[in-house]
Amino acid sequence: HSGAWKRQTAMLKARANGLDEYELCFG
């Protein structure tokens, strides 16, 4: 629930364009 984790999650979501990265590698 920390600000650091929320920023980290936001960066991660941006990297993934909001998509499930695992499923994306299977198309």
mmCIF file of all heavy atoms, coordinates in Angstrom:
data_MODEL
# 
_entry.id   MODEL 
# 
loop_
_atom_site.group_PDB 
_atom_site.id 
_atom_site.type_symbol 
_atom_site.label_atom_id 
_atom_site.label_alt_id 
_atom_site.label_comp_id 
_atom_site.label_asym_id 
_atom_site.label_entity_id 
_atom_site.label_seq_id 
_atom_site.pdbx_PDB_ins_code 
_atom_site.Cartn_x 
_atom_site.Cartn_y 
_atom_site.Cartn_z 
_atom_site.occupancy 
_atom_site.B_iso_or_equiv 
_atom_site.pdbx_formal_charge 
_atom_site.auth_seq_id 
_atom_site.auth_comp_id 
_atom_site.auth_asym_id 
_atom_site.auth_atom_id 
_atom_site.pdbx_PDB_model_num 
ATOM 1   N N   . HIS A 1 1  ? 0.817  -1.213  0.000   1.00 0.00 ? 1  HIS A N   1 
ATOM 2   C CA  . HIS A 1 1  ? 0.000  0.000   0.000   1.00 0.00 ? 1  HIS A CA  1 
ATOM 3   C C   . HIS A 1 1  ? 0.856  1.270   0.000   1.00 0.00 ? 1  HIS A C   1 
ATOM 4   O O   . HIS A 1 1  ? 0.337  2.369   0.119   1.00 0.00 ? 1  HIS A O   1 
ATOM 5   C CB  . HIS A 1 1  ? -0.957 0.001   1.201   1.00 0.00 ? 1  HIS A CB  1 
ATOM 6   C CG  . HIS A 1 1  ? -2.075 -0.975  1.041   1.00 0.00 ? 1  HIS A CG  1 
ATOM 7   N ND1 . HIS A 1 1  ? -1.971 -2.287  1.429   1.00 0.00 ? 1  HIS A ND1 1 
ATOM 8   C CD2 . HIS A 1 1  ? -3.293 -0.851  0.494   1.00 0.00 ? 1  HIS A CD2 1 
ATOM 9   C CE1 . HIS A 1 1  ? -3.091 -2.913  1.145   1.00 0.00 ? 1  HIS A CE1 1 
ATOM 10  N NE2 . HIS A 1 1  ? -3.911 -2.071  0.571   1.00 0.00 ? 1  HIS A NE2 1 
ATOM 11  N N   . SER A 1 2  ? 2.155  1.107   -0.168  1.00 0.00 ? 2  SER A N   1 
ATOM 12  C CA  . SER A 1 2  ? 3.065  2.264   -0.149  1.00 0.00 ? 2  SER A CA  1 
ATOM 13  C C   . SER A 1 2  ? 3.063  3.000   -1.491  1.00 0.00 ? 2  SER A C   1 
ATOM 14  O O   . SER A 1 2  ? 2.714  2.439   -2.527  1.00 0.00 ? 2  SER A O   1 
ATOM 15  C CB  . SER A 1 2  ? 4.489  1.804   0.173   1.00 0.00 ? 2  SER A CB  1 
ATOM 16  O OG  . SER A 1 2  ? 5.042  1.100   -0.929  1.00 0.00 ? 2  SER A OG  1 
ATOM 17  N N   . GLY A 1 3  ? 3.493  4.246   -1.438  1.00 0.00 ? 3  GLY A N   1 
ATOM 18  C CA  . GLY A 1 3  ? 3.620  5.037   -2.662  1.00 0.00 ? 3  GLY A CA  1 
ATOM 19  C C   . GLY A 1 3  ? 4.638  4.440   -3.616  1.00 0.00 ? 3  GLY A C   1 
ATOM 20  O O   . GLY A 1 3  ? 4.434  4.445   -4.835  1.00 0.00 ? 3  GLY A O   1 
ATOM 21  N N   . ALA A 1 4  ? 5.725  3.896   -3.071  1.00 0.00 ? 4  ALA A N   1 
ATOM 22  C CA  . ALA A 1 4  ? 6.763  3.285   -3.904  1.00 0.00 ? 4  ALA A CA  1 
ATOM 23  C C   . ALA A 1 4  ? 6.188  2.117   -4.707  1.00 0.00 ? 4  ALA A C   1 
ATOM 24  O O   . ALA A 1 4  ? 6.461  1.972   -5.900  1.00 0.00 ? 4  ALA A O   1 
ATOM 25  C CB  . ALA A 1 4  ? 7.931  2.811   -3.037  1.00 0.00 ? 4  ALA A CB  1 
ATOM 26  N N   . TRP A 1 5  ? 5.381  1.268   -4.051  1.00 0.00 ? 5  TRP A N   1 
ATOM 27  C CA  . TRP A 1 5  ? 4.799  0.121   -4.751  1.00 0.00 ? 5  TRP A CA  1 
ATOM 28  C C   . TRP A 1 5  ? 3.793  0.583   -5.807  1.00 0.00 ? 5  TRP A C   1 
ATOM 29  O O   . TRP A 1 5  ? 3.743  0.039   -6.911  1.00 0.00 ? 5  TRP A O   1 
ATOM 30  C CB  . TRP A 1 5  ? 4.132  -0.843  -3.765  1.00 0.00 ? 5  TRP A CB  1 
ATOM 31  C CG  . TRP A 1 5  ? 3.451  -1.977  -4.464  1.00 0.00 ? 5  TRP A CG  1 
ATOM 32  C CD1 . TRP A 1 5  ? 2.115  -2.202  -4.549  1.00 0.00 ? 5  TRP A CD1 1 
ATOM 33  C CD2 . TRP A 1 5  ? 4.080  -3.035  -5.201  1.00 0.00 ? 5  TRP A CD2 1 
ATOM 34  N NE1 . TRP A 1 5  ? 1.875  -3.332  -5.291  1.00 0.00 ? 5  TRP A NE1 1 
ATOM 35  C CE2 . TRP A 1 5  ? 3.062  -3.860  -5.700  1.00 0.00 ? 5  TRP A CE2 1 
ATOM 36  C CE3 . TRP A 1 5  ? 5.402  -3.358  -5.488  1.00 0.00 ? 5  TRP A CE3 1 
ATOM 37  C CZ2 . TRP A 1 5  ? 3.326  -4.990  -6.474  1.00 0.00 ? 5  TRP A CZ2 1 
ATOM 38  C CZ3 . TRP A 1 5  ? 5.659  -4.490  -6.251  1.00 0.00 ? 5  TRP A CZ3 1 
ATOM 39  C CH2 . TRP A 1 5  ? 4.629  -5.290  -6.730  1.00 0.00 ? 5  TRP A CH2 1 
ATOM 40  N N   . LYS A 1 6  ? 3.020  1.607   -5.491  1.00 0.00 ? 6  LYS A N   1 
ATOM 41  C CA  . LYS A 1 6  ? 2.041  2.115   -6.447  1.00 0.00 ? 6  LYS A CA  1 
ATOM 42  C C   . LYS A 1 6  ? 2.733  2.687   -7.686  1.00 0.00 ? 6  LYS A C   1 
ATOM 43  O O   . LYS A 1 6  ? 2.286  2.474   -8.813  1.00 0.00 ? 6  LYS A O   1 
ATOM 44  C CB  . LYS A 1 6  ? 1.124  3.140   -5.790  1.00 0.00 ? 6  LYS A CB  1 
ATOM 45  C CG  . LYS A 1 6  ? 0.169  2.492   -4.802  1.00 0.00 ? 6  LYS A CG  1 
ATOM 46  C CD  . LYS A 1 6  ? -0.666 3.504   -4.075  1.00 0.00 ? 6  LYS A CD  1 
ATOM 47  C CE  . LYS A 1 6  ? -1.533 2.776   -3.044  1.00 0.00 ? 6  LYS A CE  1 
ATOM 48  N NZ  . LYS A 1 6  ? -2.305 3.651   -2.219  1.00 0.00 ? 6  LYS A NZ  1 
ATOM 49  N N   . ARG A 1 7  ? 3.853  3.388   -7.485  1.00 0.00 ? 7  ARG A N   1 
ATOM 50  C CA  . ARG A 1 7  ? 4.615  3.920   -8.627  1.00 0.00 ? 7  ARG A CA  1 
ATOM 51  C C   . ARG A 1 7  ? 5.209  2.768   -9.448  1.00 0.00 ? 7  ARG A C   1 
ATOM 52  O O   . ARG A 1 7  ? 5.186  2.795   -10.677 1.00 0.00 ? 7  ARG A O   1 
ATOM 53  C CB  . ARG A 1 7  ? 5.725  4.855   -8.146  1.00 0.00 ? 7  ARG A CB  1 
ATOM 54  C CG  . ARG A 1 7  ? 5.225  6.218   -7.696  1.00 0.00 ? 7  ARG A CG  1 
ATOM 55  C CD  . ARG A 1 7  ? 6.359  7.188   -7.387  1.00 0.00 ? 7  ARG A CD  1 
ATOM 56  N NE  . ARG A 1 7  ? 7.193  6.752   -6.264  1.00 0.00 ? 7  ARG A NE  1 
ATOM 57  C CZ  . ARG A 1 7  ? 6.883  6.939   -4.990  1.00 0.00 ? 7  ARG A CZ  1 
ATOM 58  N NH1 . ARG A 1 7  ? 5.766  7.546   -4.659  1.00 0.00 ? 7  ARG A NH1 1 
ATOM 59  N NH2 . ARG A 1 7  ? 7.709  6.525   -4.033  1.00 0.00 ? 7  ARG A NH2 1 
ATOM 60  N N   . GLN A 1 8  ? 5.730  1.769   -8.758  1.00 0.00 ? 8  GLN A N   1 
ATOM 61  C CA  . GLN A 1 8  ? 6.317  0.598   -9.422  1.00 0.00 ? 8  GLN A CA  1 
ATOM 62  C C   . GLN A 1 8  ? 5.257  -0.119  -10.265 1.00 0.00 ? 8  GLN A C   1 
ATOM 63  O O   . GLN A 1 8  ? 5.509  -0.495  -11.404 1.00 0.00 ? 8  GLN A O   1 
ATOM 64  C CB  . GLN A 1 8  ? 6.893  -0.357  -8.363  1.00 0.00 ? 8  GLN A CB  1 
ATOM 65  C CG  . GLN A 1 8  ? 7.652  -1.510  -8.913  1.00 0.00 ? 8  GLN A CG  1 
ATOM 66  C CD  . GLN A 1 8  ? 9.071  -1.140  -9.291  1.00 0.00 ? 8  GLN A CD  1 
ATOM 67  O OE1 . GLN A 1 8  ? 9.426  0.027   -9.372  1.00 0.00 ? 8  GLN A OE1 1 
ATOM 68  N NE2 . GLN A 1 8  ? 9.867  -2.129  -9.544  1.00 0.00 ? 8  GLN A NE2 1 
ATOM 69  N N   . THR A 1 9  ? 4.080  -0.295  -9.706  1.00 0.00 ? 9  THR A N   1 
ATOM 70  C CA  . THR A 1 9  ? 2.990  -0.959  -10.422 1.00 0.00 ? 9  THR A CA  1 
ATOM 71  C C   . THR A 1 9  ? 2.553  -0.134  -11.631 1.00 0.00 ? 9  THR A C   1 
ATOM 72  O O   . THR A 1 9  ? 2.268  -0.693  -12.691 1.00 0.00 ? 9  THR A O   1 
ATOM 73  C CB  . THR A 1 9  ? 1.803  -1.211  -9.470  1.00 0.00 ? 9  THR A CB  1 
ATOM 74  O OG1 . THR A 1 9  ? 2.268  -1.988  -8.364  1.00 0.00 ? 9  THR A OG1 1 
ATOM 75  C CG2 . THR A 1 9  ? 0.686  -1.960  -10.150 1.00 0.00 ? 9  THR A CG2 1 
ATOM 76  N N   . ALA A 1 10 ? 2.517  1.182   -11.485 1.00 0.00 ? 10 ALA A N   1 
ATOM 77  C CA  . ALA A 1 10 ? 2.145  2.056   -12.606 1.00 0.00 ? 10 ALA A CA  1 
ATOM 78  C C   . ALA A 1 10 ? 3.163  1.939   -13.743 1.00 0.00 ? 10 ALA A C   1 
ATOM 79  O O   . ALA A 1 10 ? 2.788  1.876   -14.922 1.00 0.00 ? 10 ALA A O   1 
ATOM 80  C CB  . ALA A 1 10 ? 2.025  3.500   -12.139 1.00 0.00 ? 10 ALA A CB  1 
ATOM 81  N N   . MET A 1 11 ? 4.458  1.889   -13.404 1.00 0.00 ? 11 MET A N   1 
ATOM 82  C CA  . MET A 1 11 ? 5.498  1.713   -14.429 1.00 0.00 ? 11 MET A CA  1 
ATOM 83  C C   . MET A 1 11 ? 5.349  0.359   -15.108 1.00 0.00 ? 11 MET A C   1 
ATOM 84  O O   . MET A 1 11 ? 5.496  0.235   -16.327 1.00 0.00 ? 11 MET A O   1 
ATOM 85  C CB  . MET A 1 11 ? 6.901  1.822   -13.807 1.00 0.00 ? 11 MET A CB  1 
ATOM 86  C CG  . MET A 1 11 ? 7.300  3.222   -13.461 1.00 0.00 ? 11 MET A CG  1 
ATOM 87  S SD  . MET A 1 11 ? 8.930  3.433   -12.676 1.00 0.00 ? 11 MET A SD  1 
ATOM 88  C CE  . MET A 1 11 ? 9.777  1.915   -12.876 1.00 0.00 ? 11 MET A CE  1 
ATOM 89  N N   . LEU A 1 12 ? 5.063  -0.656  -14.333 1.00 0.00 ? 12 LEU A N   1 
ATOM 90  C CA  . LEU A 1 12 ? 4.888  -2.006  -14.862 1.00 0.00 ? 12 LEU A CA  1 
ATOM 91  C C   . LEU A 1 12 ? 3.693  -2.066  -15.807 1.00 0.00 ? 12 LEU A C   1 
ATOM 92  O O   . LEU A 1 12 ? 3.779  -2.636  -16.895 1.00 0.00 ? 12 LEU A O   1 
ATOM 93  C CB  . LEU A 1 12 ? 4.698  -2.973  -13.688 1.00 0.00 ? 12 LEU A CB  1 
ATOM 94  C CG  . LEU A 1 12 ? 4.620  -4.447  -13.997 1.00 0.00 ? 12 LEU A CG  1 
ATOM 95  C CD1 . LEU A 1 12 ? 5.919  -4.936  -14.623 1.00 0.00 ? 12 LEU A CD1 1 
ATOM 96  C CD2 . LEU A 1 12 ? 4.336  -5.217  -12.720 1.00 0.00 ? 12 LEU A CD2 1 
ATOM 97  N N   . LYS A 1 13 ? 2.594  -1.451  -15.401 1.00 0.00 ? 13 LYS A N   1 
ATOM 98  C CA  . LYS A 1 13 ? 1.389  -1.422  -16.242 1.00 0.00 ? 13 LYS A CA  1 
ATOM 99  C C   . LYS A 1 13 ? 1.668  -0.694  -17.557 1.00 0.00 ? 13 LYS A C   1 
ATOM 100 O O   . LYS A 1 13 ? 1.222  -1.134  -18.625 1.00 0.00 ? 13 LYS A O   1 
ATOM 101 C CB  . LYS A 1 13 ? 0.245  -0.743  -15.479 1.00 0.00 ? 13 LYS A CB  1 
ATOM 102 C CG  . LYS A 1 13 ? -1.064 -0.758  -16.210 1.00 0.00 ? 13 LYS A CG  1 
ATOM 103 C CD  . LYS A 1 13 ? -2.167 -0.138  -15.364 1.00 0.00 ? 13 LYS A CD  1 
ATOM 104 C CE  . LYS A 1 13 ? -3.493 -0.169  -16.089 1.00 0.00 ? 13 LYS A CE  1 
ATOM 105 N NZ  . LYS A 1 13 ? -4.563 0.424   -15.271 1.00 0.00 ? 13 LYS A NZ  1 
ATOM 106 N N   . ALA A 1 14 ? 2.426  0.397   -17.487 1.00 0.00 ? 14 ALA A N   1 
ATOM 107 C CA  . ALA A 1 14 ? 2.788  1.140   -18.701 1.00 0.00 ? 14 ALA A CA  1 
ATOM 108 C C   . ALA A 1 14 ? 3.652  0.275   -19.616 1.00 0.00 ? 14 ALA A C   1 
ATOM 109 O O   . ALA A 1 14 ? 3.459  0.262   -20.835 1.00 0.00 ? 14 ALA A O   1 
ATOM 110 C CB  . ALA A 1 14 ? 3.508  2.430   -18.332 1.00 0.00 ? 14 ALA A CB  1 
ATOM 111 N N   . ARG A 1 15 ? 4.622  -0.442  -19.034 1.00 0.00 ? 15 ARG A N   1 
ATOM 112 C CA  . ARG A 1 15 ? 5.474  -1.335  -19.836 1.00 0.00 ? 15 ARG A CA  1 
ATOM 113 C C   . ARG A 1 15 ? 4.630  -2.357  -20.575 1.00 0.00 ? 15 ARG A C   1 
ATOM 114 O O   . ARG A 1 15 ? 4.897  -2.692  -21.726 1.00 0.00 ? 15 ARG A O   1 
ATOM 115 C CB  . ARG A 1 15 ? 6.480  -2.044  -18.931 1.00 0.00 ? 15 ARG A CB  1 
ATOM 116 C CG  . ARG A 1 15 ? 7.358  -3.063  -19.663 1.00 0.00 ? 15 ARG A CG  1 
ATOM 117 C CD  . ARG A 1 15 ? 8.275  -3.844  -18.762 1.00 0.00 ? 15 ARG A CD  1 
ATOM 118 N NE  . ARG A 1 15 ? 7.579  -4.980  -18.154 1.00 0.00 ? 15 ARG A NE  1 
ATOM 119 C CZ  . ARG A 1 15 ? 8.111  -5.757  -17.224 1.00 0.00 ? 15 ARG A CZ  1 
ATOM 120 N NH1 . ARG A 1 15 ? 9.326  -5.516  -16.759 1.00 0.00 ? 15 ARG A NH1 1 
ATOM 121 N NH2 . ARG A 1 15 ? 7.433  -6.772  -16.733 1.00 0.00 ? 15 ARG A NH2 1 
ATOM 122 N N   . ALA A 1 16 ? 3.579  -2.845  -19.924 1.00 0.00 ? 16 ALA A N   1 
ATOM 123 C CA  . ALA A 1 16 ? 2.741  -3.902  -20.484 1.00 0.00 ? 16 ALA A CA  1 
ATOM 124 C C   . ALA A 1 16 ? 1.569  -3.355  -21.304 1.00 0.00 ? 16 ALA A C   1 
ATOM 125 O O   . ALA A 1 16 ? 0.783  -4.131  -21.832 1.00 0.00 ? 16 ALA A O   1 
ATOM 126 C CB  . ALA A 1 16 ? 2.206  -4.767  -19.350 1.00 0.00 ? 16 ALA A CB  1 
ATOM 127 N N   . ASN A 1 17 ? 1.452  -2.043  -21.403 1.00 0.00 ? 17 ASN A N   1 
ATOM 128 C CA  . ASN A 1 17 ? 0.306  -1.418  -22.063 1.00 0.00 ? 17 ASN A CA  1 
ATOM 129 C C   . ASN A 1 17 ? -1.014 -1.909  -21.476 1.00 0.00 ? 17 ASN A C   1 
ATOM 130 O O   . ASN A 1 17 ? -2.008 -2.054  -22.195 1.00 0.00 ? 17 ASN A O   1 
ATOM 131 C CB  . ASN A 1 17 ? 0.346  -1.667  -23.580 1.00 0.00 ? 17 ASN A CB  1 
ATOM 132 C CG  . ASN A 1 17 ? 1.497  -0.968  -24.231 1.00 0.00 ? 17 ASN A CG  1 
ATOM 133 O OD1 . ASN A 1 17 ? 1.766  0.197   -23.955 1.00 0.00 ? 17 ASN A OD1 1 
ATOM 134 N ND2 . ASN A 1 17 ? 2.213  -1.678  -25.085 1.00 0.00 ? 17 ASN A ND2 1 
ATOM 135 N N   . GLY A 1 18 ? -1.008 -2.241  -20.184 1.00 0.00 ? 18 GLY A N   1 
ATOM 136 C CA  . GLY A 1 18 ? -2.215 -2.683  -19.501 1.00 0.00 ? 18 GLY A CA  1 
ATOM 137 C C   . GLY A 1 18 ? -2.607 -4.120  -19.770 1.00 0.00 ? 18 GLY A C   1 
ATOM 138 O O   . GLY A 1 18 ? -3.636 -4.574  -19.298 1.00 0.00 ? 18 GLY A O   1 
ATOM 139 N N   . LEU A 1 19 ? -1.782 -4.835  -20.533 1.00 0.00 ? 19 LEU A N   1 
ATOM 140 C CA  . LEU A 1 19 ? -2.119 -6.213  -20.903 1.00 0.00 ? 19 LEU A CA  1 
ATOM 141 C C   . LEU A 1 19 ? -1.392 -7.230  -20.034 1.00 0.00 ? 19 LEU A C   1 
ATOM 142 O O   . LEU A 1 19 ? -0.356 -6.944  -19.445 1.00 0.00 ? 19 LEU A O   1 
ATOM 143 C CB  . LEU A 1 19 ? -1.755 -6.457  -22.372 1.00 0.00 ? 19 LEU A CB  1 
ATOM 144 C CG  . LEU A 1 19 ? -2.483 -5.581  -23.386 1.00 0.00 ? 19 LEU A CG  1 
ATOM 145 C CD1 . LEU A 1 19 ? -1.917 -5.809  -24.779 1.00 0.00 ? 19 LEU A CD1 1 
ATOM 146 C CD2 . LEU A 1 19 ? -3.982 -5.859  -23.357 1.00 0.00 ? 19 LEU A CD2 1 
ATOM 147 N N   . ASP A 1 20 ? -1.934 -8.434  -19.983 1.00 0.00 ? 20 ASP A N   1 
ATOM 148 C CA  . ASP A 1 20 ? -1.321 -9.554  -19.288 1.00 0.00 ? 20 ASP A CA  1 
ATOM 149 C C   . ASP A 1 20 ? -0.096 -9.976  -20.102 1.00 0.00 ? 20 ASP A C   1 
ATOM 150 O O   . ASP A 1 20 ? -0.216 -10.480 -21.215 1.00 0.00 ? 20 ASP A O   1 
ATOM 151 C CB  . ASP A 1 20 ? -2.340 -10.695 -19.195 1.00 0.00 ? 20 ASP A CB  1 
ATOM 152 C CG  . ASP A 1 20 ? -1.831 -11.917 -18.476 1.00 0.00 ? 20 ASP A CG  1 
ATOM 153 O OD1 . ASP A 1 20 ? -0.676 -12.324 -18.717 1.00 0.00 ? 20 ASP A OD1 1 
ATOM 154 O OD2 . ASP A 1 20 ? -2.606 -12.500 -17.695 1.00 0.00 ? 20 ASP A OD2 1 
ATOM 155 N N   . GLU A 1 21 ? 1.091  -9.746  -19.549 1.00 0.00 ? 21 GLU A N   1 
ATOM 156 C CA  . GLU A 1 21 ? 2.329  -10.023 -20.287 1.00 0.00 ? 21 GLU A CA  1 
ATOM 157 C C   . GLU A 1 21 ? 2.549  -11.508 -20.549 1.00 0.00 ? 21 GLU A C   1 
ATOM 158 O O   . GLU A 1 21 ? 3.127  -11.881 -21.574 1.00 0.00 ? 21 GLU A O   1 
ATOM 159 C CB  . GLU A 1 21 ? 3.530  -9.449  -19.528 1.00 0.00 ? 21 GLU A CB  1 
ATOM 160 C CG  . GLU A 1 21 ? 3.534  -7.938  -19.483 1.00 0.00 ? 21 GLU A CG  1 
ATOM 161 C CD  . GLU A 1 21 ? 4.699  -7.373  -18.710 1.00 0.00 ? 21 GLU A CD  1 
ATOM 162 O OE1 . GLU A 1 21 ? 4.724  -7.545  -17.463 1.00 0.00 ? 21 GLU A OE1 1 
ATOM 163 O OE2 . GLU A 1 21 ? 5.585  -6.759  -19.351 1.00 0.00 ? 21 GLU A OE2 1 
ATOM 164 N N   . TYR A 1 22 ? 2.114  -12.353 -19.646 1.00 0.00 ? 22 TYR A N   1 
ATOM 165 C CA  . TYR A 1 22 ? 2.275  -13.796 -19.824 1.00 0.00 ? 22 TYR A CA  1 
ATOM 166 C C   . TYR A 1 22 ? 1.410  -14.287 -20.980 1.00 0.00 ? 22 TYR A C   1 
ATOM 167 O O   . TYR A 1 22 ? 1.878  -14.999 -21.867 1.00 0.00 ? 22 TYR A O   1 
ATOM 168 C CB  . TYR A 1 22 ? 1.918  -14.533 -18.530 1.00 0.00 ? 22 TYR A CB  1 
ATOM 169 C CG  . TYR A 1 22 ? 2.122  -16.021 -18.601 1.00 0.00 ? 22 TYR A CG  1 
ATOM 170 C CD1 . TYR A 1 22 ? 3.406  -16.561 -18.540 1.00 0.00 ? 22 TYR A CD1 1 
ATOM 171 C CD2 . TYR A 1 22 ? 1.050  -16.887 -18.717 1.00 0.00 ? 22 TYR A CD2 1 
ATOM 172 C CE1 . TYR A 1 22 ? 3.613  -17.924 -18.603 1.00 0.00 ? 22 TYR A CE1 1 
ATOM 173 C CE2 . TYR A 1 22 ? 1.244  -18.253 -18.776 1.00 0.00 ? 22 TYR A CE2 1 
ATOM 174 C CZ  . TYR A 1 22 ? 2.522  -18.771 -18.722 1.00 0.00 ? 22 TYR A CZ  1 
ATOM 175 O OH  . TYR A 1 22 ? 2.721  -20.133 -18.791 1.00 0.00 ? 22 TYR A OH  1 
ATOM 176 N N   . GLU A 1 23 ? 0.145  -13.913 -20.981 1.00 0.00 ? 23 GLU A N   1 
ATOM 177 C CA  . GLU A 1 23 ? -0.778 -14.333 -22.045 1.00 0.00 ? 23 GLU A CA  1 
ATOM 178 C C   . GLU A 1 23 ? -0.363 -13.746 -23.397 1.00 0.00 ? 23 GLU A C   1 
ATOM 179 O O   . GLU A 1 23 ? -0.506 -14.396 -24.428 1.00 0.00 ? 23 GLU A O   1 
ATOM 180 C CB  . GLU A 1 23 ? -2.217 -13.931 -21.706 1.00 0.00 ? 23 GLU A CB  1 
ATOM 181 C CG  . GLU A 1 23 ? -2.810 -14.694 -20.553 1.00 0.00 ? 23 GLU A CG  1 
ATOM 182 C CD  . GLU A 1 23 ? -2.986 -16.181 -20.830 1.00 0.00 ? 23 GLU A CD  1 
ATOM 183 O OE1 . GLU A 1 23 ? -3.193 -16.565 -21.993 1.00 0.00 ? 23 GLU A OE1 1 
ATOM 184 O OE2 . GLU A 1 23 ? -2.922 -16.959 -19.863 1.00 0.00 ? 23 GLU A OE2 1 
ATOM 185 N N   . LEU A 1 24 ? 0.165  -12.540 -23.378 1.00 0.00 ? 24 LEU A N   1 
ATOM 186 C CA  . LEU A 1 24 ? 0.585  -11.874 -24.610 1.00 0.00 ? 24 LEU A CA  1 
ATOM 187 C C   . LEU A 1 24 ? 1.670  -12.661 -25.334 1.00 0.00 ? 24 LEU A C   1 
ATOM 188 O O   . LEU A 1 24 ? 1.676  -12.726 -26.562 1.00 0.00 ? 24 LEU A O   1 
ATOM 189 C CB  . LEU A 1 24 ? 1.073  -10.454 -24.291 1.00 0.00 ? 24 LEU A CB  1 
ATOM 190 C CG  . LEU A 1 24 ? 1.306  -9.530  -25.487 1.00 0.00 ? 24 LEU A CG  1 
ATOM 191 C CD1 . LEU A 1 24 ? 0.026  -9.357  -26.287 1.00 0.00 ? 24 LEU A CD1 1 
ATOM 192 C CD2 . LEU A 1 24 ? 1.812  -8.186  -25.006 1.00 0.00 ? 24 LEU A CD2 1 
ATOM 193 N N   . CYS A 1 25 ? 2.558  -13.307 -24.584 1.00 0.00 ? 25 CYS A N   1 
ATOM 194 C CA  . CYS A 1 25 ? 3.624  -14.063 -25.249 1.00 0.00 ? 25 CYS A CA  1 
ATOM 195 C C   . CYS A 1 25 ? 3.078  -15.300 -25.964 1.00 0.00 ? 25 CYS A C   1 
ATOM 196 O O   . CYS A 1 25 ? 3.767  -15.910 -26.775 1.00 0.00 ? 25 CYS A O   1 
ATOM 197 C CB  . CYS A 1 25 ? 4.767  -14.398 -24.291 1.00 0.00 ? 25 CYS A CB  1 
ATOM 198 S SG  . CYS A 1 25 ? 4.424  -15.691 -23.136 1.00 0.00 ? 25 CYS A SG  1 
ATOM 199 N N   . PHE A 1 26 ? 1.812  -15.669 -25.715 1.00 0.00 ? 26 PHE A N   1 
ATOM 200 C CA  . PHE A 1 26 ? 1.149  -16.767 -26.435 1.00 0.00 ? 26 PHE A CA  1 
ATOM 201 C C   . PHE A 1 26 ? 0.183  -16.227 -27.489 1.00 0.00 ? 26 PHE A C   1 
ATOM 202 O O   . PHE A 1 26 ? -0.608 -16.966 -28.062 1.00 0.00 ? 26 PHE A O   1 
ATOM 203 C CB  . PHE A 1 26 ? 0.380  -17.670 -25.456 1.00 0.00 ? 26 PHE A CB  1 
ATOM 204 C CG  . PHE A 1 26 ? 1.272  -18.370 -24.475 1.00 0.00 ? 26 PHE A CG  1 
ATOM 205 C CD1 . PHE A 1 26 ? 1.351  -17.945 -23.165 1.00 0.00 ? 26 PHE A CD1 1 
ATOM 206 C CD2 . PHE A 1 26 ? 2.061  -19.447 -24.868 1.00 0.00 ? 26 PHE A CD2 1 
ATOM 207 C CE1 . PHE A 1 26 ? 2.177  -18.570 -22.261 1.00 0.00 ? 26 PHE A CE1 1 
ATOM 208 C CE2 . PHE A 1 26 ? 2.892  -20.086 -23.965 1.00 0.00 ? 26 PHE A CE2 1 
ATOM 209 C CZ  . PHE A 1 26 ? 2.957  -19.644 -22.660 1.00 0.00 ? 26 PHE A CZ  1 
ATOM 210 N N   . GLY A 1 27 ? 0.236  -14.906 -27.701 1.00 0.00 ? 27 GLY A N   1 
ATOM 211 C CA  . GLY A 1 27 ? -0.609 -14.277 -28.706 1.00 0.00 ? 27 GLY A CA  1 
ATOM 212 C C   . GLY A 1 27 ? -2.030 -14.007 -28.247 1.00 0.00 ? 27 GLY A C   1 
ATOM 213 O O   . GLY A 1 27 ? -2.899 -13.704 -29.058 1.00 0.00 ? 27 GLY A O   1 
# 
